Structure formats: C-alpha cells, structure tokens
Protein backbone atom coordinates (compact mmCIF):
# COMPACT_ATOMS: atom_id res chain seq x y z
CA UNK A 1 18.08 18.89 -22.11
CA UNK A 2 21.44 20.65 -22.40
CA UNK A 3 22.00 21.09 -18.68
CA UNK A 4 22.33 18.13 -16.36
CA UNK A 5 20.51 18.82 -13.10
CA UNK A 6 21.32 17.21 -9.77
CA UNK A 7 20.78 14.45 -8.91
CA UNK A 8 20.78 12.24 -11.99
CA UNK A 9 20.22 8.48 -11.79
CA UNK A 10 23.99 7.98 -11.89
CA UNK A 11 24.73 10.49 -9.15
CA UNK A 12 21.98 9.07 -6.95
CA UNK A 13 24.13 5.95 -6.61
CA UNK A 14 26.48 8.16 -4.62
CA UNK A 15 23.49 9.47 -2.62
CA UNK A 16 22.79 5.87 -1.62
CA UNK A 17 26.45 5.30 -0.72
CA UNK A 18 26.45 8.50 1.34
CA UNK A 19 23.41 7.22 3.25
CA UNK A 20 25.12 3.86 3.85
CA UNK A 21 28.29 5.62 4.98
CA UNK A 22 26.48 7.87 7.43
CA UNK A 23 24.52 4.86 8.70
CA UNK A 24 27.76 3.13 9.68
CA UNK A 25 29.73 6.19 10.77
CA UNK A 26 26.97 8.04 12.67
CA UNK A 27 24.23 5.50 13.20
CA UNK A 28 26.43 2.55 14.14
CA UNK A 29 27.89 4.04 17.33
CA UNK A 30 24.44 5.14 18.55
CA UNK A 31 22.99 1.69 17.85
CA UNK A 32 25.74 0.18 20.02
CA UNK A 33 25.34 2.60 22.95
CA UNK A 34 23.01 0.30 24.98
CA UNK A 35 25.86 -2.25 25.05
CA UNK A 36 28.12 0.23 26.82
CA UNK A 37 25.79 2.51 28.78
CA UNK A 38 23.55 0.82 31.33
CA UNK A 39 19.96 1.98 31.14
CA UNK A 40 20.25 3.48 27.65
CA UNK A 41 17.05 2.42 25.89
CA UNK A 42 17.89 0.36 22.81
CA UNK A 43 14.74 1.56 21.06
CA UNK A 44 15.78 5.19 21.54
CA UNK A 45 19.24 4.26 20.26
CA UNK A 46 17.74 2.61 17.18
CA UNK A 47 15.59 5.67 16.46
CA UNK A 48 18.58 8.01 16.77
CA UNK A 49 20.67 5.67 14.60
CA UNK A 50 18.02 6.01 11.89
CA UNK A 51 17.25 9.73 12.16
CA UNK A 52 20.78 11.19 12.28
CA UNK A 53 22.15 9.46 9.14
CA UNK A 54 18.99 10.44 7.24
CA UNK A 55 19.32 14.06 8.34
CA UNK A 56 23.01 14.13 7.44
CA UNK A 57 22.30 12.65 3.99
CA UNK A 58 19.47 15.10 3.35
CA UNK A 59 21.72 18.01 4.32
CA UNK A 60 24.55 16.94 2.00
CA UNK A 61 22.22 16.29 -0.97
CA UNK A 62 20.28 19.51 -0.29
CA UNK A 63 23.44 21.62 -0.30
CA UNK A 64 24.67 19.95 -3.47
CA UNK A 65 21.30 20.39 -5.20
CA UNK A 66 21.17 24.09 -4.36
CA UNK A 67 24.74 24.63 -5.53
CA UNK A 68 24.40 22.63 -8.75
CA UNK A 69 20.87 23.67 -9.76
CA UNK A 70 21.01 27.23 -8.42
CA UNK A 71 17.58 27.08 -6.78
CA UNK A 72 16.57 29.39 -3.94
CA UNK A 73 13.51 27.33 -2.98
CA UNK A 74 13.91 23.56 -2.98
CA UNK A 75 10.93 22.23 -1.02
CA UNK A 76 7.22 22.93 -1.44
CA UNK A 77 4.87 22.14 1.46
CA UNK A 78 1.56 23.34 0.02
CA UNK A 79 -1.37 21.21 1.21
CA UNK A 80 -3.69 21.33 -1.79
CA UNK A 81 -7.46 20.94 -1.51
CA UNK A 82 -9.53 18.49 0.51
CA UNK A 83 -11.02 17.15 -2.73
CA UNK A 84 -7.81 15.38 -3.71
CA UNK A 85 -7.41 13.82 -0.25
CA UNK A 86 -10.87 12.27 -0.47
CA UNK A 87 -9.40 10.26 -3.34
CA UNK A 88 -5.87 9.83 -1.97
CA UNK A 89 -7.09 8.13 1.24
CA UNK A 90 -8.90 5.18 -0.41
CA UNK A 91 -6.15 4.90 -3.02
CA UNK A 92 -3.63 4.51 -0.19
CA UNK A 93 -5.65 1.56 1.13
CA UNK A 94 -5.69 0.03 -2.35
CA UNK A 95 -1.93 0.55 -2.57
CA UNK A 96 -1.37 -1.15 0.78
CA UNK A 97 -3.42 -4.17 -0.29
CA UNK A 98 -1.38 -4.67 -3.45
CA UNK A 99 1.93 -4.04 -1.70
CA UNK A 100 0.94 -6.79 0.70
CA UNK A 101 0.01 -9.12 -2.18
CA UNK A 102 3.31 -8.77 -4.03
CA UNK A 103 5.42 -8.86 -0.86
CA UNK A 104 3.68 -12.09 0.22
CA UNK A 105 4.88 -13.79 -2.99
CA UNK A 106 8.37 -13.96 -1.46
CA UNK A 107 8.22 -16.16 1.66
CA UNK A 108 9.95 -14.68 4.68
CA UNK A 109 12.19 -17.13 6.58
CA UNK A 110 11.40 -17.51 10.28
CA UNK A 111 14.74 -16.01 11.34
CA UNK A 112 14.11 -12.94 9.20
CA UNK A 113 10.62 -12.62 10.67
CA UNK A 114 12.16 -12.64 14.15
CA UNK A 115 14.57 -9.86 13.19
CA UNK A 116 11.68 -7.78 11.82
CA UNK A 117 9.63 -8.42 14.94
CA UNK A 118 12.50 -7.27 17.14
CA UNK A 119 13.39 -4.26 14.99
CA UNK A 120 9.81 -3.06 14.44
CA UNK A 121 8.47 -3.53 17.93
CA UNK A 122 5.69 -1.43 19.41
CA UNK A 123 7.79 0.73 21.74
CA UNK A 124 7.04 4.46 21.74
CA UNK A 125 10.40 5.43 20.15
CA UNK A 126 9.91 2.87 17.39
CA UNK A 127 6.32 3.95 16.67
CA UNK A 128 7.41 7.58 16.46
CA UNK A 129 10.30 6.62 14.18
CA UNK A 130 8.11 4.56 11.84
CA UNK A 131 4.99 6.72 11.79
CA UNK A 132 6.47 10.23 12.05
CA UNK A 133 10.18 10.43 11.25
CA UNK A 134 10.20 7.95 8.36
CA UNK A 135 7.47 9.71 6.33
CA UNK A 136 9.07 13.12 6.83
CA UNK A 137 12.72 12.16 6.27
CA UNK A 138 12.27 9.58 3.52
CA UNK A 139 9.91 11.78 1.53
CA UNK A 140 12.25 14.74 1.88
CA UNK A 141 15.18 12.70 0.56
CA UNK A 142 13.52 10.50 -2.06
CA UNK A 143 10.80 12.74 -3.46
CA UNK A 144 11.93 16.23 -2.41
CA UNK A 145 15.55 15.82 -3.55
CA UNK A 146 16.13 12.70 -5.65
CA UNK A 147 12.89 12.69 -7.66
CA UNK A 148 13.08 16.46 -8.02
CA UNK A 149 16.39 16.05 -9.84
CA UNK A 150 15.13 13.13 -11.90
CA UNK A 151 12.11 15.12 -13.12
CA UNK A 152 14.42 17.84 -14.41
CA UNK A 153 16.55 15.32 -16.33
CA UNK A 154 14.16 12.64 -17.60
CA UNK A 155 10.61 12.03 -18.74
CA UNK A 156 8.07 11.85 -15.88
CA UNK A 157 7.55 8.09 -16.28
CA UNK A 158 11.28 7.32 -16.23
CA UNK A 159 11.84 9.67 -13.28
CA UNK A 160 9.02 8.18 -11.20
CA UNK A 161 10.05 4.57 -11.90
CA UNK A 162 13.72 5.30 -11.17
CA UNK A 163 12.84 7.05 -7.92
CA UNK A 164 10.63 4.10 -6.91
CA UNK A 165 13.60 1.77 -7.47
CA UNK A 166 15.79 4.07 -5.37
CA UNK A 167 13.13 4.12 -2.63
CA UNK A 168 13.00 0.33 -2.61
CA UNK A 169 16.79 -0.03 -2.54
CA UNK A 170 17.30 2.20 0.51
CA UNK A 171 15.19 -0.24 2.55
CA UNK A 172 17.90 -2.85 1.86
CA UNK A 173 15.81 -6.04 1.95
CA UNK A 174 13.64 -7.76 -0.70
CA UNK A 175 10.36 -7.55 1.23
CA UNK A 176 10.57 -3.83 1.84
CA UNK A 177 12.05 -3.29 -1.61
CA UNK A 178 8.82 -4.56 -3.15
CA UNK A 179 6.72 -2.36 -0.88
CA UNK A 180 9.01 0.59 -1.44
CA UNK A 181 8.92 0.20 -5.21
CA UNK A 182 5.13 -0.16 -5.52
CA UNK A 183 4.32 2.59 -3.04
CA UNK A 184 7.11 4.67 -4.57
CA UNK A 185 5.26 4.72 -7.89
CA UNK A 186 2.19 6.27 -6.23
CA UNK A 187 4.22 8.62 -4.03
CA UNK A 188 6.29 9.70 -7.01
CA UNK A 189 3.18 10.35 -9.06
CA UNK A 190 1.76 12.55 -6.29
CA UNK A 191 4.95 14.57 -6.12
CA UNK A 192 5.10 14.91 -9.90
CA UNK A 193 1.53 16.20 -10.09
CA UNK A 194 1.66 18.51 -7.05
CA UNK A 195 5.39 19.38 -6.70
CA UNK A 196 4.59 19.37 -2.97
CA UNK A 197 5.87 16.99 -0.30
CA UNK A 198 2.71 17.12 1.80
CA UNK A 199 0.59 14.62 -0.23
CA UNK A 200 3.37 12.01 -0.34
CA UNK A 201 4.18 12.55 3.36
CA UNK A 202 0.50 12.09 4.16
CA UNK A 203 0.29 8.80 2.24
CA UNK A 204 3.55 7.59 3.77
CA UNK A 205 2.29 8.51 7.25
CA UNK A 206 -1.04 6.77 6.64
CA UNK A 207 0.66 3.62 5.34
CA UNK A 208 3.12 3.37 8.23
CA UNK A 209 0.58 4.30 10.91
CA UNK A 210 -1.91 1.70 9.70
CA UNK A 211 0.91 -0.85 9.62
CA UNK A 212 1.55 -0.08 13.29
CA UNK A 213 -2.16 -0.50 14.08
CA UNK A 214 -2.23 -3.84 12.24
CA UNK A 215 0.84 -4.94 14.19
CA UNK A 216 -0.98 -4.25 17.45
CA UNK A 217 -3.87 -6.52 16.51
CA UNK A 218 -1.91 -9.06 14.46
CA UNK A 219 1.48 -9.74 16.02
CA UNK A 220 3.19 -11.85 13.33
CA UNK A 221 5.77 -9.70 11.56
CA UNK A 222 5.27 -11.53 8.25
CA UNK A 223 1.46 -11.64 8.41
CA UNK A 224 -0.40 -10.66 5.26
CA UNK A 225 -3.93 -9.43 4.62
CA UNK A 226 -4.66 -12.97 3.45
CA UNK A 227 -4.08 -14.19 7.01
CA UNK A 228 -6.39 -11.51 8.37
CA UNK A 229 -9.20 -11.78 5.81
CA UNK A 230 -9.05 -15.41 4.78
CA UNK A 231 -8.27 -16.62 1.26
CA UNK A 232 -11.75 -16.07 -0.23
CA UNK A 233 -12.29 -12.52 1.01
CA UNK A 234 -8.68 -11.63 0.31
CA UNK A 235 -9.06 -12.28 -3.41
CA UNK A 236 -12.48 -10.65 -3.45
CA UNK A 237 -10.89 -7.51 -1.98
CA UNK A 238 -8.05 -7.65 -4.52
CA UNK A 239 -10.55 -7.81 -7.38
CA UNK A 240 -12.66 -4.96 -6.03
CA UNK A 241 -9.59 -2.85 -5.30
CA UNK A 242 -8.30 -3.31 -8.85
CA UNK A 243 -11.46 -1.82 -10.35
CA UNK A 244 -11.96 0.77 -7.61
CA UNK A 245 -8.31 1.80 -7.73
CA UNK A 246 -8.45 2.40 -11.48
CA UNK A 247 -11.58 4.54 -11.21
CA UNK A 248 -10.25 6.54 -8.26
CA UNK A 249 -6.85 7.06 -9.86
CA UNK A 250 -8.37 8.41 -13.08
CA UNK A 251 -10.49 10.79 -11.02
CA UNK A 252 -7.51 11.87 -8.91
CA UNK A 253 -5.48 12.56 -12.05
CA UNK A 254 -8.21 14.90 -13.31
CA UNK A 255 -8.46 16.66 -9.95
CA UNK A 256 -4.71 17.17 -9.60
CA UNK A 257 -4.39 18.47 -13.15
CA UNK A 258 -7.09 21.02 -12.36
CA UNK A 259 -5.37 22.00 -9.09
CA UNK A 260 -1.88 22.10 -10.62
CA UNK A 261 -2.25 23.04 -14.30
C-alpha cells in the first residue's frame, strides 16, 4: 500500500506509552485519594484510575486516526444476526478453557496471587469495572482503533496477531498477557470479519463476567479449571473443546462471510 494509515505497529508503541503516561498522570492521583481523603472508597478510586486513562488514550488515538486517515465514521456498532452468536457463545467458552490452560503453565507466586486477589475483589465498583468498562473501553481502543489501523496496513493475519500482542502487553503481566494474546486472536478475528465492535465487546463481556462468577464460587485468584474439574475431566474437556472448537469456528467463518461478504 502506498499510504500508511494510522496506527501502524510502530506507532502503536506510542499508543502504549500514551496509555502508560495517562495511567501515571491521571490514574495515579485517583488511586492515591483514599490515602488522603477519609471515607473515599478505594475500589471506586481504582475504577476511576482505570477508566479515565483509558478514555483519555482512546480520545487521543481517535483524534489522530480521524486526522491521519480522513475518516468520518470510525466505529461500527452493528449487532449482526443471532445465528452468529449461537456459535460465538460456545466458542467463547472454548477460548476461556484454553486461555486457562496456557496461563496455568506459568506458576503464579503466592505474593502475586495476593495482589490479584486484592486488586480483583468482588466489590461492586470492581465488578462493574471488570465486566462492563473493560470490555467497552479495551475493545474500543484495541480493536476499534489499533486493529482498524493494522488492517489497513498489513495482511489480516499479521494485523490480528500484532493486535493480540498489543492486547496482551497492555495488561502488563505475564499471566494476563497470555490470556490477552489468545483471546485477542479470537476478538481480532471477529472484528476483522464483522468490522463491528459489538461481537468482540460481547465476547469480552462474557469472558470477564464468567470470570467474576467463577471468582464468587472459587476464591483462589490463581485457580484454574483443572482445580475445579479435577485432572481427568479437565483433560477430557480440553480434548472435546479442541474438536468442538474447530468445527464451530469453521461454521462461524462461513456464517460471518455470508453476513459480511
């Protein structure tokens, strides 16, 4: 392609740095408010410290994308048909199982598990942040802006893989990087096929919401499906999901090509 669209893989490094900068400049002070204001809920502070830097980053990247690419309409929120969601839902469960498998290959130290348990507690502000704000904001940034630029500059496979790496990196720890990368491949594929943010937001919401539900019934922050199912049934489910996932994905690909020729 003669024209370089925004963002490229190189320029998305600066997108990441912008997010980090806003996290310290905007998010940091809010995260520290409970230390200086009596009665200020630390979970509310944490949620604000996450949401505001994400919004600021999205705004900066959105303005740059519009200016550089000259687009009047950046985001698409079309829902699609129910037929695709009948396939997307079980595929999301398959995705979650394999994310769990690969993440469990890297043992989590006890002190890290305690940090996760404290950070991802079951307070109302935290649940809303994880289940609602994260799917909306992260999909808007990673798929709606970053992957959108990648798809205009690179082949679909390269764009999806690069965006999955970016998605993993913004979580800034190896356990969530693995989950972000694997889920990012599926989320990126959905965006590529539909050009809409709704399917990827739906999968992201479903993944995070089910993770909250699992946390309610299984309190260990580093617990895996192996702990819940037992070793035998865990590997049985992995085997079944591998075959089922392949069949469902091939069917979904056909459906989405028909819906979005």
